[in-house]
Amino acid sequence: MADATKAPAPEDCLQKKAIYDHCFDLWYKDVFLKNKSNGKLGCQELYKEYSACMTEELKADLPLVQSIRAEMNPTHAAQWIGKDLPDPSAKSEKQ
């Protein structure tokens, strides 16, 4: 039985990204560029799966999140972390 708190393997997220990218490329070419989207975005469920995978991967690497955040404009950094990822600066234990 897999540990539910364990981050996904990087190749899992890469596979989800490849599937999403392929779907998006087709949607962009066949729908968006032909002005058939009617204001709707394509491949949203695939994007949500990929995004959730990346969020879990980032949760497992808070030092990476901290270093990325340190390079960002503070306003954007707060929006980027959002509700899905904890604020690494609030983490006091585990030094």
PDB file of N, CA and C in Angstrom:
ATOM      1  N   MET A   1       0.843  -1.180   0.000  1.00  0.00           N
ATOM      2  CA  MET A   1       0.000   0.000   0.000  1.00  0.00           C
ATOM      3  C   MET A   1       0.888   1.243   0.000  1.00  0.00           C
ATOM      4  N   ALA A   2       0.657   2.175  -0.887  1.00  0.00           N
ATOM      5  CA  ALA A   2       1.488   3.365  -1.022  1.00  0.00           C
ATOM      6  C   ALA A   2       1.181   4.366   0.084  1.00  0.00           C
ATOM      7  N   ASP A   3       2.219   5.083   0.506  1.00  0.00           N
ATOM      8  CA  ASP A   3       2.065   6.123   1.508  1.00  0.00           C
ATOM      9  C   ASP A   3       1.386   7.324   0.861  1.00  0.00           C
ATOM     10  N   ALA A   4       0.250   7.749   1.406  1.00  0.00           N
ATOM     11  CA  ALA A   4      -0.535   8.835   0.811  1.00  0.00           C
ATOM     12  C   ALA A   4       0.181  10.173   0.905  1.00  0.00           C
ATOM     13  N   THR A   5       1.122  10.324   1.863  1.00  0.00           N
ATOM     14  CA  THR A   5       1.819  11.589   2.017  1.00  0.00           C
ATOM     15  C   THR A   5       3.095  11.654   1.185  1.00  0.00           C
ATOM     16  N   LYS A   6       3.475  10.571   0.577  1.00  0.00           N
ATOM     17  CA  LYS A   6       4.699  10.523  -0.224  1.00  0.00           C
ATOM     18  C   LYS A   6       4.506  11.311  -1.525  1.00  0.00           C
ATOM     19  N   ALA A   7       5.514  12.096  -1.858  1.00  0.00           N
ATOM     20  CA  ALA A   7       5.457  12.877  -3.095  1.00  0.00           C
ATOM     21  C   ALA A   7       5.496  11.940  -4.295  1.00  0.00           C
ATOM     22  N   PRO A   8       4.850  12.342  -5.387  1.00  0.00           N
ATOM     23  CA  PRO A   8       4.905  11.518  -6.596  1.00  0.00           C
ATOM     24  C   PRO A   8       6.322  11.504  -7.159  1.00  0.00           C
ATOM     25  N   ALA A   9       6.637  10.451  -7.863  1.00  0.00           N
ATOM     26  CA  ALA A   9       7.938  10.380  -8.529  1.00  0.00           C
ATOM     27  C   ALA A   9       7.973  11.444  -9.625  1.00  0.00           C
ATOM     28  N   PRO A  10       9.129  12.084  -9.833  1.00  0.00           N
ATOM     29  CA  PRO A  10       9.212  13.123 -10.867  1.00  0.00           C
ATOM     30  C   PRO A  10       8.725  12.653 -12.233  1.00  0.00           C
ATOM     31  N   GLU A  11       8.983  11.386 -12.564  1.00  0.00           N
ATOM     32  CA  GLU A  11       8.539  10.901 -13.876  1.00  0.00           C
ATOM     33  C   GLU A  11       7.014  10.829 -13.966  1.00  0.00           C
ATOM     34  N   ASP A  12       6.329  10.679 -12.821  1.00  0.00           N
ATOM     35  CA  ASP A  12       4.862  10.697 -12.837  1.00  0.00           C
ATOM     36  C   ASP A  12       4.354  12.060 -13.300  1.00  0.00           C
ATOM     37  N   CYS A  13       4.935  13.116 -12.734  1.00  0.00           N
ATOM     38  CA  CYS A  13       4.522  14.468 -13.114  1.00  0.00           C
ATOM     39  C   CYS A  13       4.929  14.777 -14.556  1.00  0.00           C
ATOM     40  N   LEU A  14       6.091  14.293 -14.965  1.00  0.00           N
ATOM     41  CA  LEU A  14       6.519  14.519 -16.350  1.00  0.00           C
ATOM     42  C   LEU A  14       5.568  13.847 -17.332  1.00  0.00           C
ATOM     43  N   GLN A  15       5.097  12.663 -16.973  1.00  0.00           N
ATOM     44  CA  GLN A  15       4.147  11.966 -17.843  1.00  0.00           C
ATOM     45  C   GLN A  15       2.823  12.739 -17.908  1.00  0.00           C
ATOM     46  N   LYS A  16       2.359  13.227 -16.759  1.00  0.00           N
ATOM     47  CA  LYS A  16       1.118  14.018 -16.745  1.00  0.00           C
ATOM     48  C   LYS A  16       1.290  15.293 -17.566  1.00  0.00           C
ATOM     49  N   LYS A  17       2.476  15.912 -17.473  1.00  0.00           N
ATOM     50  CA  LYS A  17       2.740  17.127 -18.246  1.00  0.00           C
ATOM     51  C   LYS A  17       2.730  16.828 -19.740  1.00  0.00           C
ATOM     52  N   ALA A  18       3.346  15.724 -20.136  1.00  0.00           N
ATOM     53  CA  ALA A  18       3.387  15.357 -21.556  1.00  0.00           C
ATOM     54  C   ALA A  18       1.980  15.123 -22.096  1.00  0.00           C
ATOM     55  N   ILE A  19       1.143  14.462 -21.315  1.00  0.00           N
ATOM     56  CA  ILE A  19      -0.239  14.203 -21.743  1.00  0.00           C
ATOM     57  C   ILE A  19      -0.999  15.522 -21.858  1.00  0.00           C
ATOM     58  N   TYR A  20      -0.839  16.391 -20.856  1.00  0.00           N
ATOM     59  CA  TYR A  20      -1.506  17.699 -20.903  1.00  0.00           C
ATOM     60  C   TYR A  20      -0.996  18.526 -22.084  1.00  0.00           C
ATOM     61  N   ASP A  21       0.321  18.585 -22.266  1.00  0.00           N
ATOM     62  CA  ASP A  21       0.894  19.365 -23.372  1.00  0.00           C
ATOM     63  C   ASP A  21       0.356  18.903 -24.721  1.00  0.00           C
ATOM     64  N   HIS A  22       0.265  17.603 -24.905  1.00  0.00           N
ATOM     65  CA  HIS A  22      -0.252  17.062 -26.169  1.00  0.00           C
ATOM     66  C   HIS A  22      -1.707  17.492 -26.370  1.00  0.00           C
ATOM     67  N   CYS A  23      -2.508  17.347 -25.335  1.00  0.00           N
ATOM     68  CA  CYS A  23      -3.913  17.751 -25.411  1.00  0.00           C
ATOM     69  C   CYS A  23      -4.021  19.247 -25.713  1.00  0.00           C
ATOM     70  N   PHE A  24      -3.240  20.061 -24.989  1.00  0.00           N
ATOM     71  CA  PHE A  24      -3.301  21.507 -25.179  1.00  0.00           C
ATOM     72  C   PHE A  24      -2.872  21.897 -26.588  1.00  0.00           C
ATOM     73  N   ASP A  25      -1.802  21.284 -27.086  1.00  0.00           N
ATOM     74  CA  ASP A  25      -1.337  21.596 -28.442  1.00  0.00           C
ATOM     75  C   ASP A  25      -2.422  21.320 -29.477  1.00  0.00           C
ATOM     76  N   LEU A  26      -3.106  20.193 -29.328  1.00  0.00           N
ATOM     77  CA  LEU A  26      -4.198  19.868 -30.255  1.00  0.00           C
ATOM     78  C   LEU A  26      -5.347  20.859 -30.116  1.00  0.00           C
ATOM     79  N   TRP A  27      -5.718  21.165 -28.873  1.00  0.00           N
ATOM     80  CA  TRP A  27      -6.808  22.120 -28.640  1.00  0.00           C
ATOM     81  C   TRP A  27      -6.441  23.484 -29.220  1.00  0.00           C
ATOM     82  N   TYR A  28      -5.217  23.927 -28.993  1.00  0.00           N
ATOM     83  CA  TYR A  28      -4.780  25.228 -29.482  1.00  0.00           C
ATOM     84  C   TYR A  28      -4.852  25.287 -31.009  1.00  0.00           C
ATOM     85  N   LYS A  29      -4.348  24.242 -31.655  1.00  0.00           N
ATOM     86  CA  LYS A  29      -4.316  24.196 -33.119  1.00  0.00           C
ATOM     87  C   LYS A  29      -5.713  24.024 -33.711  1.00  0.00           C
ATOM     88  N   ASP A  30      -6.478  23.089 -33.172  1.00  0.00           N
ATOM     89  CA  ASP A  30      -7.755  22.714 -33.783  1.00  0.00           C
ATOM     90  C   ASP A  30      -8.958  23.518 -33.299  1.00  0.00           C
ATOM     91  N   VAL A  31      -8.831  24.153 -32.143  1.00  0.00           N
ATOM     92  CA  VAL A  31      -9.975  24.880 -31.592  1.00  0.00           C
ATOM     93  C   VAL A  31      -9.666  26.371 -31.460  1.00  0.00           C
ATOM     94  N   PHE A  32      -8.662  26.702 -30.665  1.00  0.00           N
ATOM     95  CA  PHE A  32      -8.387  28.105 -30.371  1.00  0.00           C
ATOM     96  C   PHE A  32      -8.031  28.914 -31.614  1.00  0.00           C
ATOM     97  N   LEU A  33      -7.084  28.433 -32.404  1.00  0.00           N
ATOM     98  CA  LEU A  33      -6.661  29.183 -33.588  1.00  0.00           C
ATOM     99  C   LEU A  33      -7.750  29.287 -34.650  1.00  0.00           C
ATOM    100  N   LYS A  34      -8.727  28.400 -34.585  1.00  0.00           N
ATOM    101  CA  LYS A  34      -9.844  28.450 -35.532  1.00  0.00           C
ATOM    102  C   LYS A  34     -11.042  29.185 -34.935  1.00  0.00           C
ATOM    103  N   ASN A  35     -10.788  29.840 -33.797  1.00  0.00           N
ATOM    104  CA  ASN A  35     -11.806  30.646 -33.124  1.00  0.00           C
ATOM    105  C   ASN A  35     -13.073  29.847 -32.807  1.00  0.00           C
ATOM    106  N   LYS A  36     -12.893  28.612 -32.351  1.00  0.00           N
ATOM    107  CA  LYS A  36     -14.025  27.750 -32.019  1.00  0.00           C
ATOM    108  C   LYS A  36     -14.147  27.499 -30.516  1.00  0.00           C
ATOM    109  N   SER A  37     -13.361  28.190 -29.713  1.00  0.00           N
ATOM    110  CA  SER A  37     -13.330  27.881 -28.281  1.00  0.00           C
ATOM    111  C   SER A  37     -14.532  28.417 -27.515  1.00  0.00           C
ATOM    112  N   ASN A  38     -15.206  29.416 -28.060  1.00  0.00           N
ATOM    113  CA  ASN A  38     -16.360  30.026 -27.389  1.00  0.00           C
ATOM    114  C   ASN A  38     -16.032  30.406 -25.948  1.00  0.00           C
ATOM    115  N   GLY A  39     -14.817  30.879 -25.725  1.00  0.00           N
ATOM    116  CA  GLY A  39     -14.407  31.317 -24.397  1.00  0.00           C
ATOM    117  C   GLY A  39     -14.059  30.206 -23.433  1.00  0.00           C
ATOM    118  N   LYS A  40     -14.045  28.966 -23.899  1.00  0.00           N
ATOM    119  CA  LYS A  40     -13.750  27.834 -23.016  1.00  0.00           C
ATOM    120  C   LYS A  40     -12.316  27.366 -23.232  1.00  0.00           C
ATOM    121  N   LEU A  41     -11.689  26.976 -22.144  1.00  0.00           N
ATOM    122  CA  LEU A  41     -10.338  26.432 -22.214  1.00  0.00           C
ATOM    123  C   LEU A  41     -10.408  24.928 -22.391  1.00  0.00           C
ATOM    124  N   GLY A  42      -9.439  24.386 -23.082  1.00  0.00           N
ATOM    125  CA  GLY A  42      -9.400  22.943 -23.279  1.00  0.00           C
ATOM    126  C   GLY A  42      -8.508  22.253 -22.262  1.00  0.00           C
ATOM    127  N   CYS A  43      -8.718  20.986 -22.079  1.00  0.00           N
ATOM    128  CA  CYS A  43      -7.824  20.103 -21.311  1.00  0.00           C
ATOM    129  C   CYS A  43      -7.723  20.461 -19.826  1.00  0.00           C
ATOM    130  N   GLN A  44      -8.761  21.047 -19.264  1.00  0.00           N
ATOM    131  CA  GLN A  44      -8.698  21.506 -17.882  1.00  0.00           C
ATOM    132  C   GLN A  44      -8.504  20.380 -16.871  1.00  0.00           C
ATOM    133  N   GLU A  45      -9.148  19.253 -17.077  1.00  0.00           N
ATOM    134  CA  GLU A  45      -8.987  18.138 -16.127  1.00  0.00           C
ATOM    135  C   GLU A  45      -7.556  17.614 -16.141  1.00  0.00           C
ATOM    136  N   LEU A  46      -6.957  17.538 -17.329  1.00  0.00           N
ATOM    137  CA  LEU A  46      -5.563  17.093 -17.423  1.00  0.00           C
ATOM    138  C   LEU A  46      -4.630  18.097 -16.751  1.00  0.00           C
ATOM    139  N   TYR A  47      -4.937  19.389 -16.918  1.00  0.00           N
ATOM    140  CA  TYR A  47      -4.128  20.416 -16.260  1.00  0.00           C
ATOM    141  C   TYR A  47      -4.236  20.294 -14.740  1.00  0.00           C
ATOM    142  N   LYS A  48      -5.440  20.058 -14.244  1.00  0.00           N
ATOM    143  CA  LYS A  48      -5.634  19.921 -12.795  1.00  0.00           C
ATOM    144  C   LYS A  48      -4.833  18.742 -12.249  1.00  0.00           C
ATOM    145  N   GLU A  49      -4.817  17.636 -12.978  1.00  0.00           N
ATOM    146  CA  GLU A  49      -4.041  16.461 -12.551  1.00  0.00           C
ATOM    147  C   GLU A  49      -2.543  16.786 -12.513  1.00  0.00           C
ATOM    148  N   TYR A  50      -2.060  17.438 -13.565  1.00  0.00           N
ATOM    149  CA  TYR A  50      -0.646  17.804 -13.634  1.00  0.00           C
ATOM    150  C   TYR A  50      -0.298  18.803 -12.529  1.00  0.00           C
ATOM    151  N   SER A  51      -1.138  19.806 -12.350  1.00  0.00           N
ATOM    152  CA  SER A  51      -0.903  20.824 -11.333  1.00  0.00           C
ATOM    153  C   SER A  51      -0.890  20.219  -9.929  1.00  0.00           C
ATOM    154  N   ALA A  52      -1.817  19.319  -9.655  1.00  0.00           N
ATOM    155  CA  ALA A  52      -1.866  18.657  -8.345  1.00  0.00           C
ATOM    156  C   ALA A  52      -0.604  17.827  -8.118  1.00  0.00           C
ATOM    157  N   CYS A  53      -0.136  17.167  -9.153  1.00  0.00           N
ATOM    158  CA  CYS A  53       1.086  16.367  -9.060  1.00  0.00           C
ATOM    159  C   CYS A  53       2.278  17.268  -8.719  1.00  0.00           C
ATOM    160  N   MET A  54       2.395  18.391  -9.401  1.00  0.00           N
ATOM    161  CA  MET A  54       3.498  19.313  -9.152  1.00  0.00           C
ATOM    162  C   MET A  54       3.404  19.920  -7.756  1.00  0.00           C
ATOM    163  N   THR A  55       2.198  20.218  -7.308  1.00  0.00           N
ATOM    164  CA  THR A  55       2.018  20.769  -5.968  1.00  0.00           C
ATOM    165  C   THR A  55       2.516  19.779  -4.924  1.00  0.00           C
ATOM    166  N   GLU A  56       2.168  18.515  -5.091  1.00  0.00           N
ATOM    167  CA  GLU A  56       2.631  17.486  -4.154  1.00  0.00           C
ATOM    168  C   GLU A  56       4.149  17.340  -4.206  1.00  0.00           C
ATOM    169  N   GLU A  57       4.713  17.436  -5.388  1.00  0.00           N
ATOM    170  CA  GLU A  57       6.166  17.338  -5.525  1.00  0.00           C
ATOM    171  C   GLU A  57       6.850  18.515  -4.825  1.00  0.00           C
ATOM    172  N   LEU A  58       6.281  19.705  -4.969  1.00  0.00           N
ATOM    173  CA  LEU A  58       6.854  20.880  -4.316  1.00  0.00           C
ATOM    174  C   LEU A  58       6.706  20.825  -2.799  1.00  0.00           C
ATOM    175  N   LYS A  59       5.603  20.266  -2.322  1.00  0.00           N
ATOM    176  CA  LYS A  59       5.421  20.134  -0.871  1.00  0.00           C
ATOM    177  C   LYS A  59       6.536  19.296  -0.257  1.00  0.00           C
ATOM    178  N   ALA A  60       7.056  18.363  -1.018  1.00  0.00           N
ATOM    179  CA  ALA A  60       8.116  17.486  -0.528  1.00  0.00           C
ATOM    180  C   ALA A  60       9.494  18.154  -0.579  1.00  0.00           C
ATOM    181  N   ASP A  61       9.585  19.325  -1.209  1.00  0.00           N
ATOM    182  CA  ASP A  61      10.874  20.004  -1.348  1.00  0.00           C
ATOM    183  C   ASP A  61      10.735  21.473  -0.946  1.00  0.00           C
ATOM    184  N   LEU A  62      10.436  21.707   0.333  1.00  0.00           N
ATOM    185  CA  LEU A  62      10.241  23.076   0.799  1.00  0.00           C
ATOM    186  C   LEU A  62      11.488  23.955   0.659  1.00  0.00           C
ATOM    187  N   PRO A  63      12.716  23.424   0.767  1.00  0.00           N
ATOM    188  CA  PRO A  63      13.874  24.286   0.509  1.00  0.00           C
ATOM    189  C   PRO A  63      13.871  24.843  -0.927  1.00  0.00           C
ATOM    190  N   LEU A  64      13.430  24.047  -1.883  1.00  0.00           N
ATOM    191  CA  LEU A  64      13.323  24.540  -3.257  1.00  0.00           C
ATOM    192  C   LEU A  64      12.278  25.648  -3.336  1.00  0.00           C
ATOM    193  N   VAL A  65      11.144  25.441  -2.679  1.00  0.00           N
ATOM    194  CA  VAL A  65      10.088  26.457  -2.667  1.00  0.00           C
ATOM    195  C   VAL A  65      10.624  27.746  -2.053  1.00  0.00           C
ATOM    196  N   GLN A  66      11.368  27.627  -0.958  1.00  0.00           N
ATOM    197  CA  GLN A  66      11.945  28.806  -0.313  1.00  0.00           C
ATOM    198  C   GLN A  66      12.881  29.550  -1.253  1.00  0.00           C
ATOM    199  N   SER A  67      13.737  28.836  -1.952  1.00  0.00           N
ATOM    200  CA  SER A  67      14.698  29.501  -2.832  1.00  0.00           C
ATOM    201  C   SER A  67      14.008  30.170  -4.014  1.00  0.00           C
ATOM    202  N   ILE A  68      12.975  29.544  -4.554  1.00  0.00           N
ATOM    203  CA  ILE A  68      12.221  30.160  -5.651  1.00  0.00           C
ATOM    204  C   ILE A  68      11.520  31.410  -5.148  1.00  0.00           C
ATOM    205  N   ARG A  69      10.868  31.267  -3.996  1.00  0.00           N
ATOM    206  CA  ARG A  69      10.138  32.390  -3.417  1.00  0.00           C
ATOM    207  C   ARG A  69      11.057  33.571  -3.115  1.00  0.00           C
ATOM    208  N   ALA A  70      12.285  33.295  -2.666  1.00  0.00           N
ATOM    209  CA  ALA A  70      13.231  34.351  -2.320  1.00  0.00           C
ATOM    210  C   ALA A  70      13.592  35.203  -3.532  1.00  0.00           C
ATOM    211  N   GLU A  71      13.516  34.624  -4.717  1.00  0.00           N
ATOM    212  CA  GLU A  71      13.860  35.342  -5.942  1.00  0.00           C
ATOM    213  C   GLU A  71      12.682  36.106  -6.535  1.00  0.00           C
ATOM    214  N   MET A  72      11.495  35.865  -6.023  1.00  0.00           N
ATOM    215  CA  MET A  72      10.291  36.469  -6.594  1.00  0.00           C
ATOM    216  C   MET A  72       9.936  37.774  -5.896  1.00  0.00           C
ATOM    217  N   ASN A  73       9.201  38.611  -6.603  1.00  0.00           N
ATOM    218  CA  ASN A  73       8.581  39.782  -6.012  1.00  0.00           C
ATOM    219  C   ASN A  73       7.692  39.279  -4.872  1.00  0.00           C
ATOM    220  N   PRO A  74       7.739  39.895  -3.677  1.00  0.00           N
ATOM    221  CA  PRO A  74       6.960  39.392  -2.535  1.00  0.00           C
ATOM    222  C   PRO A  74       5.462  39.231  -2.813  1.00  0.00           C
ATOM    223  N   THR A  75       4.879  40.128  -3.574  1.00  0.00           N
ATOM    224  CA  THR A  75       3.453  40.014  -3.889  1.00  0.00           C
ATOM    225  C   THR A  75       3.187  38.766  -4.718  1.00  0.00           C
ATOM    226  N   HIS A  76       4.020  38.536  -5.717  1.00  0.00           N
ATOM    227  CA  HIS A  76       3.848  37.358  -6.563  1.00  0.00           C
ATOM    228  C   HIS A  76       4.159  36.074  -5.797  1.00  0.00           C
ATOM    229  N   ALA A  77       5.155  36.130  -4.927  1.00  0.00           N
ATOM    230  CA  ALA A  77       5.518  34.948  -4.147  1.00  0.00           C
ATOM    231  C   ALA A  77       4.346  34.491  -3.294  1.00  0.00           C
ATOM    232  N   ALA A  78       3.659  35.432  -2.661  1.00  0.00           N
ATOM    233  CA  ALA A  78       2.507  35.075  -1.822  1.00  0.00           C
ATOM    234  C   ALA A  78       1.401  34.454  -2.663  1.00  0.00           C
ATOM    235  N   GLN A  79       1.180  34.972  -3.856  1.00  0.00           N
ATOM    236  CA  GLN A  79       0.150  34.414  -4.739  1.00  0.00           C
ATOM    237  C   GLN A  79       0.574  33.055  -5.281  1.00  0.00           C
ATOM    238  N   TRP A  80       1.850  32.888  -5.548  1.00  0.00           N
ATOM    239  CA  TRP A  80       2.347  31.636  -6.120  1.00  0.00           C
ATOM    240  C   TRP A  80       2.182  30.485  -5.151  1.00  0.00           C
ATOM    241  N   ILE A  81       2.498  30.724  -3.890  1.00  0.00           N
ATOM    242  CA  ILE A  81       2.359  29.670  -2.894  1.00  0.00           C
ATOM    243  C   ILE A  81       0.894  29.355  -2.687  1.00  0.00           C
ATOM    244  N   GLY A  82       0.054  30.362  -2.608  1.00  0.00           N
ATOM    245  CA  GLY A  82      -1.378  30.139  -2.473  1.00  0.00           C
ATOM    246  C   GLY A  82      -1.727  29.282  -1.272  1.00  0.00           C
ATOM    247  N   LYS A  83      -2.812  28.574  -1.379  1.00  0.00           N
ATOM    248  CA  LYS A  83      -3.291  27.748  -0.278  1.00  0.00           C
ATOM    249  C   LYS A  83      -2.759  26.324  -0.364  1.00  0.00           C
ATOM    250  N   ASP A  84      -2.235  25.936  -1.508  1.00  0.00           N
ATOM    251  CA  ASP A  84      -1.800  24.552  -1.693  1.00  0.00           C
ATOM    252  C   ASP A  84      -0.479  24.229  -1.013  1.00  0.00           C
ATOM    253  N   LEU A  85       0.396  25.222  -0.909  1.00  0.00           N
ATOM    254  CA  LEU A  85       1.714  24.983  -0.331  1.00  0.00           C
ATOM    255  C   LEU A  85       1.881  25.804   0.938  1.00  0.00           C
ATOM    256  N   PRO A  86       2.470  25.217   1.961  1.00  0.00           N
ATOM    257  CA  PRO A  86       2.699  25.978   3.189  1.00  0.00           C
ATOM    258  C   PRO A  86       3.757  27.050   2.965  1.00  0.00           C
ATOM    259  N   ASP A  87       3.688  28.088   3.762  1.00  0.00           N
ATOM    260  CA  ASP A  87       4.684  29.149   3.707  1.00  0.00           C
ATOM    261  C   ASP A  87       5.950  28.624   4.382  1.00  0.00           C
ATOM    262  N   PRO A  88       7.031  28.429   3.635  1.00  0.00           N
ATOM    263  CA  PRO A  88       8.251  27.864   4.220  1.00  0.00           C
ATOM    264  C   PRO A  88       8.813  28.714   5.353  1.00  0.00           C
ATOM    265  N   SER A  89       8.585  30.027   5.340  1.00  0.00           N
ATOM    266  CA  SER A  89       9.117  30.880   6.398  1.00  0.00           C
ATOM    267  C   SER A  89       8.396  30.654   7.719  1.00  0.00           C
ATOM    268  N   ALA A  90       7.212  30.059   7.686  1.00  0.00           N
ATOM    269  CA  ALA A  90       6.456  29.774   8.905  1.00  0.00           C
ATOM    270  C   ALA A  90       6.928  28.489   9.565  1.00  0.00           C
ATOM    271  N   LYS A  91       7.787  27.759   8.912  1.00  0.00           N
ATOM    272  CA  LYS A  91       8.274  26.471   9.416  1.00  0.00           C
ATOM    273  C   LYS A  91       9.416  26.731  10.397  1.00  0.00           C
ATOM    274  N   SER A  92       9.200  26.451  11.677  1.00  0.00           N
ATOM    275  CA  SER A  92      10.225  26.749  12.672  1.00  0.00           C
ATOM    276  C   SER A  92      10.981  25.512  13.124  1.00  0.00           C
ATOM    277  N   GLU A  93      10.339  24.360  13.157  1.00  0.00           N
ATOM    278  CA  GLU A  93      11.024  23.148  13.562  1.00  0.00           C
ATOM    279  C   GLU A  93      11.747  22.533  12.375  1.00  0.00           C
ATOM    280  N   LYS A  94      12.549  21.526  12.632  1.00  0.00           N
ATOM    281  CA  LYS A  94      13.302  20.805  11.596  1.00  0.00           C
ATOM    282  C   LYS A  94      14.344  21.699  10.940  1.00  0.00           C
ATOM    283  N   GLN A  95      15.335  22.106  11.637  1.00  0.00           N
ATOM    284  CA  GLN A  95      16.389  22.928  11.046  1.00  0.00           C
ATOM    285  C   GLN A  95      17.494  22.076  10.533  1.00  0.00           C
TER     286      GLN A  95
END
